[in-house]
Amino acid sequence: MQQNIETKDDLELRSLDTMCVNESHLQHRWYHNLKYLILGIFFGIVFIKAEVISWFRIQEMFRLQSFHMYGVIGSAILVAMISIWLIKKFNIKTIYGEEIIFHKKTFNKGQIYGGLIFGFGWALTGACPGPLFAQIGTGATVVVVTLLSAIAGTWVYGYIREKLPH
């Protein structure tokens, strides 16, 4: 009986990290997604102009030769901190009036291992998952190998996820 309760609690806890808990239930027409395409293209251009997707800049960061990437990442963290504080303080809602909810996250040692694997992959390939598409768009077609590897790694994790300790 105790094992069933633990299994139920585990499933409830794990369900939080397998779905978007803030997912909107509003139904929109297809053209409402065009704003995300435009924003993605804009971000891609900004990343290219700021050299955030540059393999050389990423290598400089991991070799501690330049502050450029640390400044970009630090600025992003600062903007995120201020944004979350403002959302919580003024109870800001989405553009469609839905409440924004922040859920507490518990620490798990797997986050350390995952972060290390992510960091090693980032250092070796010079590519973070976000800018992969911008790198491919600039003509760095060799990055397709990194993209396919990221997809394969995600698939493998999904396949063995139930066997891993969480």
C-alpha atoms as a PDB file:
ATOM      1  CA  MET A   1       0.000   0.000   0.000  1.00  0.00           C
ATOM      2  CA  GLN A   2       2.821   2.411   0.929  1.00  0.00           C
ATOM      3  CA  GLN A   3       4.543   1.735  -2.409  1.00  0.00           C
ATOM      4  CA  ASN A   4       1.347   2.647  -4.284  1.00  0.00           C
ATOM      5  CA  ILE A   5       1.179   5.984  -2.466  1.00  0.00           C
ATOM      6  CA  GLU A   6       4.850   6.697  -3.223  1.00  0.00           C
ATOM      7  CA  THR A   7       4.330   5.737  -6.864  1.00  0.00           C
ATOM      8  CA  LYS A   8       1.279   8.001  -7.070  1.00  0.00           C
ATOM      9  CA  ASP A   9       3.199  10.907  -5.499  1.00  0.00           C
ATOM     10  CA  ASP A  10       6.136  10.262  -7.846  1.00  0.00           C
ATOM     11  CA  LEU A  11       3.847  10.267 -10.884  1.00  0.00           C
ATOM     12  CA  GLU A  12       2.194  13.502  -9.754  1.00  0.00           C
ATOM     13  CA  LEU A  13       5.568  15.134  -9.187  1.00  0.00           C
ATOM     14  CA  ARG A  14       6.996  13.897 -12.488  1.00  0.00           C
ATOM     15  CA  SER A  15       3.913  15.034 -14.377  1.00  0.00           C
ATOM     16  CA  LEU A  16       4.938  18.614 -13.588  1.00  0.00           C
ATOM     17  CA  ASP A  17       8.168  18.287 -15.566  1.00  0.00           C
ATOM     18  CA  THR A  18       6.661  16.469 -18.545  1.00  0.00           C
ATOM     19  CA  MET A  19       4.090  19.039 -19.522  1.00  0.00           C
ATOM     20  CA  CYS A  20       3.734  22.772 -19.697  1.00  0.00           C
ATOM     21  CA  VAL A  21       1.909  23.626 -16.473  1.00  0.00           C
ATOM     22  CA  ASN A  22       1.171  27.160 -17.700  1.00  0.00           C
ATOM     23  CA  GLU A  23      -0.130  25.948 -21.034  1.00  0.00           C
ATOM     24  CA  SER A  24      -2.888  28.116 -22.422  1.00  0.00           C
ATOM     25  CA  HIS A  25      -6.199  26.464 -23.115  1.00  0.00           C
ATOM     26  CA  LEU A  26      -7.277  29.171 -25.538  1.00  0.00           C
ATOM     27  CA  GLN A  27      -7.827  28.136 -29.145  1.00  0.00           C
ATOM     28  CA  HIS A  28      -6.428  30.445 -31.815  1.00  0.00           C
ATOM     29  CA  ARG A  29      -6.355  30.410 -35.573  1.00  0.00           C
ATOM     30  CA  TRP A  30      -3.099  29.414 -37.274  1.00  0.00           C
ATOM     31  CA  TYR A  31      -2.084  32.992 -38.103  1.00  0.00           C
ATOM     32  CA  HIS A  32      -1.809  33.837 -34.401  1.00  0.00           C
ATOM     33  CA  ASN A  33       1.453  31.838 -34.470  1.00  0.00           C
ATOM     34  CA  LEU A  34       2.975  34.203 -37.052  1.00  0.00           C
ATOM     35  CA  LYS A  35       3.991  36.557 -34.233  1.00  0.00           C
ATOM     36  CA  TYR A  36       6.268  33.798 -32.885  1.00  0.00           C
ATOM     37  CA  LEU A  37       7.800  33.267 -36.316  1.00  0.00           C
ATOM     38  CA  ILE A  38       8.487  36.998 -36.634  1.00  0.00           C
ATOM     39  CA  LEU A  39       9.912  37.156 -33.108  1.00  0.00           C
ATOM     40  CA  GLY A  40      12.104  34.100 -33.827  1.00  0.00           C
ATOM     41  CA  ILE A  41      13.462  35.669 -37.012  1.00  0.00           C
ATOM     42  CA  PHE A  42      14.133  38.913 -35.122  1.00  0.00           C
ATOM     43  CA  PHE A  43      15.943  37.034 -32.337  1.00  0.00           C
ATOM     44  CA  GLY A  44      17.979  35.132 -34.930  1.00  0.00           C
ATOM     45  CA  ILE A  45      19.096  38.396 -36.527  1.00  0.00           C
ATOM     46  CA  VAL A  46      19.976  39.875 -33.121  1.00  0.00           C
ATOM     47  CA  PHE A  47      21.940  36.735 -32.193  1.00  0.00           C
ATOM     48  CA  ILE A  48      23.872  36.887 -35.463  1.00  0.00           C
ATOM     49  CA  LYS A  49      24.640  40.612 -35.174  1.00  0.00           C
ATOM     50  CA  ALA A  50      25.659  40.273 -31.513  1.00  0.00           C
ATOM     51  CA  GLU A  51      27.880  37.287 -32.402  1.00  0.00           C
ATOM     52  CA  VAL A  52      26.072  35.183 -29.798  1.00  0.00           C
ATOM     53  CA  ILE A  53      25.956  32.234 -32.194  1.00  0.00           C
ATOM     54  CA  SER A  54      29.599  32.558 -33.217  1.00  0.00           C
ATOM     55  CA  TRP A  55      31.557  29.375 -32.605  1.00  0.00           C
ATOM     56  CA  PHE A  56      34.638  31.527 -31.950  1.00  0.00           C
ATOM     57  CA  ARG A  57      32.829  33.620 -29.303  1.00  0.00           C
ATOM     58  CA  ILE A  58      31.603  30.460 -27.579  1.00  0.00           C
ATOM     59  CA  GLN A  59      35.124  29.012 -27.583  1.00  0.00           C
ATOM     60  CA  GLU A  60      36.457  32.302 -26.153  1.00  0.00           C
ATOM     61  CA  MET A  61      33.919  32.032 -23.353  1.00  0.00           C
ATOM     62  CA  PHE A  62      34.860  28.470 -22.416  1.00  0.00           C
ATOM     63  CA  ARG A  63      38.569  29.307 -22.571  1.00  0.00           C
ATOM     64  CA  LEU A  64      37.958  32.360 -20.332  1.00  0.00           C
ATOM     65  CA  GLN A  65      39.458  34.635 -23.001  1.00  0.00           C
ATOM     66  CA  SER A  66      36.558  37.073 -23.376  1.00  0.00           C
ATOM     67  CA  PHE A  67      33.774  38.598 -21.298  1.00  0.00           C
ATOM     68  CA  HIS A  68      31.429  38.968 -24.312  1.00  0.00           C
ATOM     69  CA  MET A  69      29.289  35.852 -23.789  1.00  0.00           C
ATOM     70  CA  TYR A  70      29.321  36.175 -20.000  1.00  0.00           C
ATOM     71  CA  GLY A  71      27.996  39.712 -20.433  1.00  0.00           C
ATOM     72  CA  VAL A  72      25.207  38.513 -22.732  1.00  0.00           C
ATOM     73  CA  ILE A  73      24.235  35.642 -20.412  1.00  0.00           C
ATOM     74  CA  GLY A  74      24.475  37.863 -17.320  1.00  0.00           C
ATOM     75  CA  SER A  75      22.299  40.514 -18.980  1.00  0.00           C
ATOM     76  CA  ALA A  76      19.710  37.856 -19.849  1.00  0.00           C
ATOM     77  CA  ILE A  77      19.657  36.624 -16.242  1.00  0.00           C
ATOM     78  CA  LEU A  78      19.262  40.184 -14.940  1.00  0.00           C
ATOM     79  CA  VAL A  79      16.402  40.935 -17.361  1.00  0.00           C
ATOM     80  CA  ALA A  80      14.702  37.641 -16.394  1.00  0.00           C
ATOM     81  CA  MET A  81      15.039  38.404 -12.672  1.00  0.00           C
ATOM     82  CA  ILE A  82      13.543  41.861 -13.057  1.00  0.00           C
ATOM     83  CA  SER A  83      10.770  40.551 -15.314  1.00  0.00           C
ATOM     84  CA  ILE A  84       9.768  37.794 -12.880  1.00  0.00           C
ATOM     85  CA  TRP A  85       9.830  40.245  -9.977  1.00  0.00           C
ATOM     86  CA  LEU A  86       7.573  42.661 -11.907  1.00  0.00           C
ATOM     87  CA  ILE A  87       5.176  39.879 -12.921  1.00  0.00           C
ATOM     88  CA  LYS A  88       4.862  38.724  -9.299  1.00  0.00           C
ATOM     89  CA  LYS A  89       4.681  42.218  -7.780  1.00  0.00           C
ATOM     90  CA  PHE A  90       2.028  43.600 -10.127  1.00  0.00           C
ATOM     91  CA  ASN A  91       0.261  40.289 -10.850  1.00  0.00           C
ATOM     92  CA  ILE A  92       0.770  40.807 -14.579  1.00  0.00           C
ATOM     93  CA  LYS A  93      -1.279  38.546 -16.836  1.00  0.00           C
ATOM     94  CA  THR A  94      -0.692  37.280 -20.366  1.00  0.00           C
ATOM     95  CA  ILE A  95      -1.855  39.366 -23.324  1.00  0.00           C
ATOM     96  CA  TYR A  96      -5.003  37.207 -23.304  1.00  0.00           C
ATOM     97  CA  GLY A  97      -5.691  37.858 -19.608  1.00  0.00           C
ATOM     98  CA  GLU A  98      -4.531  34.499 -18.266  1.00  0.00           C
ATOM     99  CA  GLU A  99      -2.763  34.307 -14.899  1.00  0.00           C
ATOM    100  CA  ILE A 100       0.975  33.577 -14.887  1.00  0.00           C
ATOM    101  CA  ILE A 101       1.879  31.000 -12.234  1.00  0.00           C
ATOM    102  CA  PHE A 102       5.396  30.207 -11.046  1.00  0.00           C
ATOM    103  CA  HIS A 103       5.775  26.732  -9.545  1.00  0.00           C
ATOM    104  CA  LYS A 104       8.399  25.883  -6.934  1.00  0.00           C
ATOM    105  CA  LYS A 105      11.171  23.635  -8.233  1.00  0.00           C
ATOM    106  CA  THR A 106      12.954  21.109  -6.074  1.00  0.00           C
ATOM    107  CA  PHE A 107      16.668  20.478  -6.441  1.00  0.00           C
ATOM    108  CA  ASN A 108      17.718  17.148  -7.918  1.00  0.00           C
ATOM    109  CA  LYS A 109      21.314  15.932  -8.334  1.00  0.00           C
ATOM    110  CA  GLY A 110      20.413  14.950 -11.905  1.00  0.00           C
ATOM    111  CA  GLN A 111      20.316  18.676 -12.683  1.00  0.00           C
ATOM    112  CA  ILE A 112      24.048  18.835 -11.963  1.00  0.00           C
ATOM    113  CA  TYR A 113      24.774  15.894 -14.260  1.00  0.00           C
ATOM    114  CA  GLY A 114      22.492  17.277 -16.951  1.00  0.00           C
ATOM    115  CA  GLY A 115      24.112  20.700 -16.689  1.00  0.00           C
ATOM    116  CA  LEU A 116      27.573  19.193 -17.016  1.00  0.00           C
ATOM    117  CA  ILE A 117      26.570  17.148 -20.068  1.00  0.00           C
ATOM    118  CA  PHE A 118      24.933  20.232 -21.582  1.00  0.00           C
ATOM    119  CA  GLY A 119      28.023  22.350 -20.891  1.00  0.00           C
ATOM    120  CA  PHE A 120      30.404  19.764 -22.338  1.00  0.00           C
ATOM    121  CA  GLY A 121      28.267  19.480 -25.457  1.00  0.00           C
ATOM    122  CA  TRP A 122      28.095  23.259 -25.770  1.00  0.00           C
ATOM    123  CA  ALA A 123      31.874  23.577 -25.402  1.00  0.00           C
ATOM    124  CA  LEU A 124      32.647  20.762 -27.842  1.00  0.00           C
ATOM    125  CA  THR A 125      30.211  21.782 -30.578  1.00  0.00           C
ATOM    126  CA  GLY A 126      30.175  25.535 -30.042  1.00  0.00           C
ATOM    127  CA  ALA A 127      26.405  25.404 -30.251  1.00  0.00           C
ATOM    128  CA  CYS A 128      23.616  25.844 -27.740  1.00  0.00           C
ATOM    129  CA  PRO A 129      20.229  24.352 -28.755  1.00  0.00           C
ATOM    130  CA  GLY A 130      18.555  27.755 -29.179  1.00  0.00           C
ATOM    131  CA  PRO A 131      20.864  29.274 -31.794  1.00  0.00           C
ATOM    132  CA  LEU A 132      21.319  26.036 -33.754  1.00  0.00           C
ATOM    133  CA  PHE A 133      18.786  27.144 -36.330  1.00  0.00           C
ATOM    134  CA  ALA A 134      20.367  30.591 -36.653  1.00  0.00           C
ATOM    135  CA  GLN A 135      23.762  28.946 -37.186  1.00  0.00           C
ATOM    136  CA  ILE A 136      22.297  26.724 -39.887  1.00  0.00           C
ATOM    137  CA  GLY A 137      20.637  29.810 -41.390  1.00  0.00           C
ATOM    138  CA  THR A 138      24.000  31.550 -41.684  1.00  0.00           C
ATOM    139  CA  GLY A 139      25.255  28.704 -43.848  1.00  0.00           C
ATOM    140  CA  ALA A 140      27.092  26.702 -41.190  1.00  0.00           C
ATOM    141  CA  THR A 141      25.505  23.499 -42.452  1.00  0.00           C
ATOM    142  CA  VAL A 142      27.876  21.313 -40.417  1.00  0.00           C
ATOM    143  CA  VAL A 143      25.733  22.341 -37.419  1.00  0.00           C
ATOM    144  CA  VAL A 144      23.042  20.016 -38.812  1.00  0.00           C
ATOM    145  CA  VAL A 145      25.096  17.205 -37.235  1.00  0.00           C
ATOM    146  CA  THR A 146      24.777  18.940 -33.854  1.00  0.00           C
ATOM    147  CA  LEU A 147      21.031  19.418 -34.385  1.00  0.00           C
ATOM    148  CA  LEU A 148      20.540  15.747 -35.261  1.00  0.00           C
ATOM    149  CA  SER A 149      22.653  14.762 -32.241  1.00  0.00           C
ATOM    150  CA  ALA A 150      20.517  16.948 -29.964  1.00  0.00           C
ATOM    151  CA  ILE A 151      17.353  15.354 -31.353  1.00  0.00           C
ATOM    152  CA  ALA A 152      18.837  11.867 -30.904  1.00  0.00           C
ATOM    153  CA  GLY A 153      19.881  12.670 -27.322  1.00  0.00           C
ATOM    154  CA  THR A 154      16.390  13.933 -26.523  1.00  0.00           C
ATOM    155  CA  TRP A 155      14.879  10.775 -27.995  1.00  0.00           C
ATOM    156  CA  VAL A 156      17.245   8.520 -26.018  1.00  0.00           C
ATOM    157  CA  TYR A 157      16.413  10.381 -22.791  1.00  0.00           C
ATOM    158  CA  GLY A 158      12.698  10.022 -23.478  1.00  0.00           C
ATOM    159  CA  TYR A 159      13.167   6.334 -24.184  1.00  0.00           C
ATOM    160  CA  ILE A 160      15.105   5.537 -20.977  1.00  0.00           C
ATOM    161  CA  ARG A 161      13.524   8.198 -18.746  1.00  0.00           C
ATOM    162  CA  GLU A 162      11.368   5.749 -16.785  1.00  0.00           C
ATOM    163  CA  LYS A 163      14.456   3.706 -15.858  1.00  0.00           C
ATOM    164  CA  LEU A 164      16.397   6.707 -14.511  1.00  0.00           C
ATOM    165  CA  PRO A 165      16.286   7.836 -10.877  1.00  0.00           C
ATOM    166  CA  HIS A 166      14.467  11.127 -10.493  1.00  0.00           C
END
